[in-house]
Amino acid sequence: MKDRVVFSKTEPFYYEATAAGVDKGTGLERLCNYLKIAPENVMALGDQANDAPMLEYTGIGVAWGML
């Protein structure tokens, strides 16, 4: 199961499970491809470690809080 599912703890009481290879960065990449928007023209904001792939994908990534 470890190869197929990734678990992340985003709050002391909150866990997320996603398919391996799927994260906020890959989701944003698919959306940008669909909308024909270059990642350097996108800004993302995040406050948890699971936001890192999304922030790295964009032209401007802003992190605050727990990250």
C-alpha atoms as a PDB file:
ATOM      1  CA  MET A   1       0.000   0.000   0.000  1.00  0.00           C
ATOM      2  CA  LYS A   2       2.952   2.320   0.664  1.00  0.00           C
ATOM      3  CA  ASP A   3       3.691   2.406  -3.092  1.00  0.00           C
ATOM      4  CA  ARG A   4       0.130   3.425  -3.960  1.00  0.00           C
ATOM      5  CA  VAL A   5      -0.935   5.818  -1.192  1.00  0.00           C
ATOM      6  CA  VAL A   6       0.753   8.817   0.392  1.00  0.00           C
ATOM      7  CA  PHE A   7      -0.352   9.992   3.834  1.00  0.00           C
ATOM      8  CA  SER A   8       0.268  13.491   5.140  1.00  0.00           C
ATOM      9  CA  LYS A   9      -0.568  15.051   8.481  1.00  0.00           C
ATOM     10  CA  THR A  10      -1.777  18.612   7.987  1.00  0.00           C
ATOM     11  CA  GLU A  11      -3.101  19.274  11.492  1.00  0.00           C
ATOM     12  CA  PRO A  12      -2.579  17.497  14.817  1.00  0.00           C
ATOM     13  CA  PHE A  13      -5.885  15.703  14.245  1.00  0.00           C
ATOM     14  CA  TYR A  14      -6.145  15.701  10.438  1.00  0.00           C
ATOM     15  CA  TYR A  15      -4.566  13.294   7.959  1.00  0.00           C
ATOM     16  CA  GLU A  16      -4.861  13.223   4.174  1.00  0.00           C
ATOM     17  CA  ALA A  17      -4.447  10.202   1.915  1.00  0.00           C
ATOM     18  CA  THR A  18      -3.768  10.598  -1.800  1.00  0.00           C
ATOM     19  CA  ALA A  19      -2.749   8.281  -4.591  1.00  0.00           C
ATOM     20  CA  ALA A  20       1.013   8.093  -5.079  1.00  0.00           C
ATOM     21  CA  GLY A  21       2.116  10.569  -7.736  1.00  0.00           C
ATOM     22  CA  VAL A  22      -0.911  12.790  -7.152  1.00  0.00           C
ATOM     23  CA  ASP A  23      -0.550  16.020  -5.216  1.00  0.00           C
ATOM     24  CA  LYS A  24      -1.562  19.652  -5.413  1.00  0.00           C
ATOM     25  CA  GLY A  25       1.263  20.304  -7.868  1.00  0.00           C
ATOM     26  CA  THR A  26       0.110  17.649 -10.335  1.00  0.00           C
ATOM     27  CA  GLY A  27      -3.471  18.834  -9.950  1.00  0.00           C
ATOM     28  CA  LEU A  28      -2.463  22.417 -10.693  1.00  0.00           C
ATOM     29  CA  GLU A  29      -0.376  21.244 -13.644  1.00  0.00           C
ATOM     30  CA  ARG A  30      -3.409  19.489 -15.138  1.00  0.00           C
ATOM     31  CA  LEU A  31      -5.552  22.571 -14.598  1.00  0.00           C
ATOM     32  CA  CYS A  32      -2.958  24.855 -16.210  1.00  0.00           C
ATOM     33  CA  ASN A  33      -2.659  22.508 -19.184  1.00  0.00           C
ATOM     34  CA  TYR A  34      -6.443  22.416 -19.558  1.00  0.00           C
ATOM     35  CA  LEU A  35      -6.742  26.209 -19.358  1.00  0.00           C
ATOM     36  CA  LYS A  36      -3.573  26.742 -21.428  1.00  0.00           C
ATOM     37  CA  ILE A  37      -1.949  28.864 -18.721  1.00  0.00           C
ATOM     38  CA  ALA A  38       1.829  28.805 -18.277  1.00  0.00           C
ATOM     39  CA  PRO A  39       2.888  27.994 -14.695  1.00  0.00           C
ATOM     40  CA  GLU A  40       4.996  31.154 -14.545  1.00  0.00           C
ATOM     41  CA  ASN A  41       1.722  33.096 -14.875  1.00  0.00           C
ATOM     42  CA  VAL A  42       0.192  31.399 -11.819  1.00  0.00           C
ATOM     43  CA  MET A  43       0.413  32.328  -8.151  1.00  0.00           C
ATOM     44  CA  ALA A  44      -0.300  29.813  -5.389  1.00  0.00           C
ATOM     45  CA  LEU A  45      -0.645  30.233  -1.643  1.00  0.00           C
ATOM     46  CA  GLY A  46      -0.187  27.509   0.938  1.00  0.00           C
ATOM     47  CA  ASP A  47       0.181  26.946   4.642  1.00  0.00           C
ATOM     48  CA  GLN A  48       1.001  23.244   4.966  1.00  0.00           C
ATOM     49  CA  ALA A  49       3.758  20.909   3.812  1.00  0.00           C
ATOM     50  CA  ASN A  50       1.395  19.218   1.354  1.00  0.00           C
ATOM     51  CA  ASP A  51       1.174  22.561  -0.500  1.00  0.00           C
ATOM     52  CA  ALA A  52       4.900  22.487  -1.388  1.00  0.00           C
ATOM     53  CA  PRO A  53       4.542  20.743  -4.794  1.00  0.00           C
ATOM     54  CA  MET A  54       1.934  23.327  -5.817  1.00  0.00           C
ATOM     55  CA  LEU A  55       4.110  26.229  -4.662  1.00  0.00           C
ATOM     56  CA  GLU A  56       7.128  24.830  -6.516  1.00  0.00           C
ATOM     57  CA  TYR A  57       5.138  24.416  -9.740  1.00  0.00           C
ATOM     58  CA  THR A  58       3.972  28.031  -9.958  1.00  0.00           C
ATOM     59  CA  GLY A  59       5.789  31.167 -10.988  1.00  0.00           C
ATOM     60  CA  ILE A  60       5.029  32.701  -7.598  1.00  0.00           C
ATOM     61  CA  GLY A  61       4.574  30.477  -4.555  1.00  0.00           C
ATOM     62  CA  VAL A  62       3.722  32.035  -1.212  1.00  0.00           C
ATOM     63  CA  ALA A  63       3.981  29.987   1.970  1.00  0.00           C
ATOM     64  CA  TRP A  64       3.026  30.977   5.497  1.00  0.00           C
ATOM     65  CA  GLY A  65       2.023  29.341   8.737  1.00  0.00           C
ATOM     66  CA  MET A  66       2.966  25.709   9.311  1.00  0.00           C
ATOM     67  CA  LEU A  67       5.147  25.214   6.247  1.00  0.00           C
END
